[in-house]
Amino acid sequence: MPTIEQAIAEAAATMDTVHRAREIAITTSRTLIRQSANTIRAIQRNDFGEACGSPG
């Protein structure tokens, strides 16, 4: 049976891992939303090259 200190250390490590994964997910989601918004604006301007990721 683990001691209370071991249980706390394990819980803290798990929480740190979950926090890092959450931060990665948030960053990735924000990037996706920003790219989607830029694509929508490019389509509305009839700038299909930019909308597809091509310059100009």
N, C-alpha and C. Protein backbone atom coordinates (compact mmCIF):
# COMPACT_ATOMS: atom_id res chain seq x y z
N MET A 1 0.85 -1.18 0.00
CA MET A 1 0.00 0.00 0.00
C MET A 1 0.90 1.25 0.00
N PRO A 2 0.65 2.16 -0.95
CA PRO A 2 1.50 3.35 -1.01
C PRO A 2 1.23 4.30 0.16
N THR A 3 2.26 5.04 0.48
CA THR A 3 2.10 6.04 1.53
C THR A 3 1.33 7.23 0.97
N ILE A 4 0.90 8.11 1.85
CA ILE A 4 0.16 9.29 1.41
C ILE A 4 1.04 10.16 0.53
N GLU A 5 2.33 10.24 0.85
CA GLU A 5 3.26 11.04 0.05
C GLU A 5 3.39 10.48 -1.36
N GLN A 6 3.45 9.15 -1.47
CA GLN A 6 3.53 8.52 -2.78
C GLN A 6 2.26 8.76 -3.58
N ALA A 7 1.13 8.65 -2.91
CA ALA A 7 -0.16 8.88 -3.59
C ALA A 7 -0.26 10.32 -4.07
N ILE A 8 0.20 11.26 -3.25
CA ILE A 8 0.17 12.67 -3.65
C ILE A 8 1.10 12.91 -4.82
N ALA A 9 2.29 12.34 -4.78
CA ALA A 9 3.25 12.51 -5.86
C ALA A 9 2.70 11.93 -7.17
N GLU A 10 2.07 10.77 -7.08
CA GLU A 10 1.49 10.15 -8.27
C GLU A 10 0.33 10.99 -8.83
N ALA A 11 -0.51 11.48 -7.94
CA ALA A 11 -1.62 12.33 -8.37
C ALA A 11 -1.11 13.62 -9.02
N ALA A 12 -0.08 14.20 -8.43
CA ALA A 12 0.49 15.43 -8.99
C ALA A 12 1.09 15.17 -10.37
N ALA A 13 1.78 14.06 -10.53
CA ALA A 13 2.36 13.71 -11.83
C ALA A 13 1.26 13.51 -12.88
N THR A 14 0.19 12.85 -12.49
CA THR A 14 -0.94 12.64 -13.41
C THR A 14 -1.56 13.97 -13.79
N MET A 15 -1.74 14.83 -12.81
CA MET A 15 -2.33 16.15 -13.09
C MET A 15 -1.44 16.96 -14.01
N ASP A 16 -0.13 16.88 -13.83
CA ASP A 16 0.80 17.59 -14.71
C ASP A 16 0.69 17.08 -16.14
N THR A 17 0.59 15.77 -16.30
CA THR A 17 0.46 15.18 -17.63
C THR A 17 -0.84 15.62 -18.29
N VAL A 18 -1.91 15.60 -17.54
CA VAL A 18 -3.21 16.02 -18.08
C VAL A 18 -3.17 17.51 -18.44
N HIS A 19 -2.54 18.31 -17.60
CA HIS A 19 -2.43 19.75 -17.87
C HIS A 19 -1.66 20.00 -19.16
N ARG A 20 -0.53 19.31 -19.34
CA ARG A 20 0.26 19.49 -20.58
C ARG A 20 -0.55 19.09 -21.80
N ALA A 21 -1.28 17.99 -21.72
CA ALA A 21 -2.11 17.54 -22.84
C ALA A 21 -3.20 18.57 -23.13
N ARG A 22 -3.79 19.12 -22.10
CA ARG A 22 -4.84 20.14 -22.26
C ARG A 22 -4.27 21.38 -22.94
N GLU A 23 -3.09 21.81 -22.53
CA GLU A 23 -2.47 23.00 -23.13
C GLU A 23 -2.16 22.77 -24.61
N ILE A 24 -1.70 21.58 -24.95
CA ILE A 24 -1.44 21.25 -26.35
C ILE A 24 -2.74 21.27 -27.14
N ALA A 25 -3.80 20.69 -26.58
CA ALA A 25 -5.09 20.66 -27.26
C ALA A 25 -5.64 22.07 -27.47
N ILE A 26 -5.51 22.93 -26.47
CA ILE A 26 -5.99 24.31 -26.60
C ILE A 26 -5.22 25.05 -27.68
N THR A 27 -3.90 24.92 -27.67
CA THR A 27 -3.07 25.60 -28.68
C THR A 27 -3.42 25.11 -30.08
N THR A 28 -3.55 23.81 -30.23
CA THR A 28 -3.89 23.23 -31.53
C THR A 28 -5.27 23.69 -31.99
N SER A 29 -6.22 23.72 -31.09
CA SER A 29 -7.58 24.15 -31.42
C SER A 29 -7.60 25.61 -31.86
N ARG A 30 -6.86 26.45 -31.16
CA ARG A 30 -6.81 27.87 -31.52
C ARG A 30 -6.18 28.07 -32.89
N THR A 31 -5.14 27.30 -33.18
CA THR A 31 -4.51 27.38 -34.50
C THR A 31 -5.49 26.97 -35.59
N LEU A 32 -6.21 25.88 -35.37
CA LEU A 32 -7.20 25.40 -36.33
C LEU A 32 -8.30 26.42 -36.55
N ILE A 33 -8.79 27.00 -35.48
CA ILE A 33 -9.85 28.02 -35.59
C ILE A 33 -9.34 29.23 -36.37
N ARG A 34 -8.10 29.68 -36.07
CA ARG A 34 -7.53 30.83 -36.78
C ARG A 34 -7.38 30.53 -38.28
N GLN A 35 -6.88 29.35 -38.62
CA GLN A 35 -6.72 28.98 -40.02
C GLN A 35 -8.07 28.87 -40.72
N SER A 36 -9.05 28.33 -40.03
CA SER A 36 -10.39 28.22 -40.60
C SER A 36 -10.97 29.60 -40.88
N ALA A 37 -10.83 30.51 -39.92
CA ALA A 37 -11.33 31.88 -40.10
C ALA A 37 -10.64 32.57 -41.27
N ASN A 38 -9.33 32.39 -41.38
CA ASN A 38 -8.59 33.00 -42.50
C ASN A 38 -9.06 32.42 -43.83
N THR A 39 -9.31 31.13 -43.87
CA THR A 39 -9.79 30.49 -45.10
C THR A 39 -11.18 31.01 -45.48
N ILE A 40 -12.06 31.12 -44.51
CA ILE A 40 -13.41 31.64 -44.78
C ILE A 40 -13.33 33.06 -45.32
N ARG A 41 -12.50 33.90 -44.70
CA ARG A 41 -12.36 35.29 -45.18
C ARG A 41 -11.78 35.32 -46.60
N ALA A 42 -10.82 34.45 -46.90
CA ALA A 42 -10.24 34.41 -48.24
C ALA A 42 -11.29 33.98 -49.26
N ILE A 43 -12.11 33.01 -48.93
CA ILE A 43 -13.17 32.57 -49.85
C ILE A 43 -14.16 33.70 -50.09
N GLN A 44 -14.50 34.43 -49.04
CA GLN A 44 -15.44 35.54 -49.19
C GLN A 44 -14.87 36.64 -50.09
N ARG A 45 -13.52 36.75 -50.15
CA ARG A 45 -12.87 37.72 -51.03
C ARG A 45 -12.61 37.13 -52.42
N ASN A 46 -13.07 35.90 -52.65
CA ASN A 46 -12.80 35.17 -53.90
C ASN A 46 -11.31 34.97 -54.14
N ASP A 47 -10.55 34.84 -53.07
CA ASP A 47 -9.11 34.60 -53.15
C ASP A 47 -8.88 33.12 -52.88
N PHE A 48 -9.18 32.32 -53.88
CA PHE A 48 -9.16 30.87 -53.70
C PHE A 48 -7.75 30.32 -53.56
N GLY A 49 -6.77 31.01 -54.12
CA GLY A 49 -5.38 30.58 -53.93
C GLY A 49 -4.98 30.64 -52.47
N GLU A 50 -5.29 31.75 -51.82
CA GLU A 50 -5.00 31.88 -50.40
C GLU A 50 -5.82 30.90 -49.57
N ALA A 51 -7.07 30.72 -49.97
CA ALA A 51 -7.95 29.81 -49.24
C ALA A 51 -7.40 28.37 -49.27
N CYS A 52 -6.74 28.01 -50.37
CA CYS A 52 -6.18 26.66 -50.49
C CYS A 52 -4.75 26.58 -49.94
N GLY A 53 -4.23 27.71 -49.46
CA GLY A 53 -2.89 27.70 -48.89
C GLY A 53 -1.82 28.11 -49.86
N SER A 54 -2.18 28.47 -51.08
CA SER A 54 -1.20 28.91 -52.06
C SER A 54 -1.01 30.42 -51.94
N PRO A 55 0.22 30.89 -52.05
CA PRO A 55 0.42 32.35 -52.00
C PRO A 55 -0.15 33.00 -53.25
N GLY A 56 -0.80 34.15 -53.00
CA GLY A 56 -1.32 34.94 -54.12
C GLY A 56 -2.49 34.31 -54.72
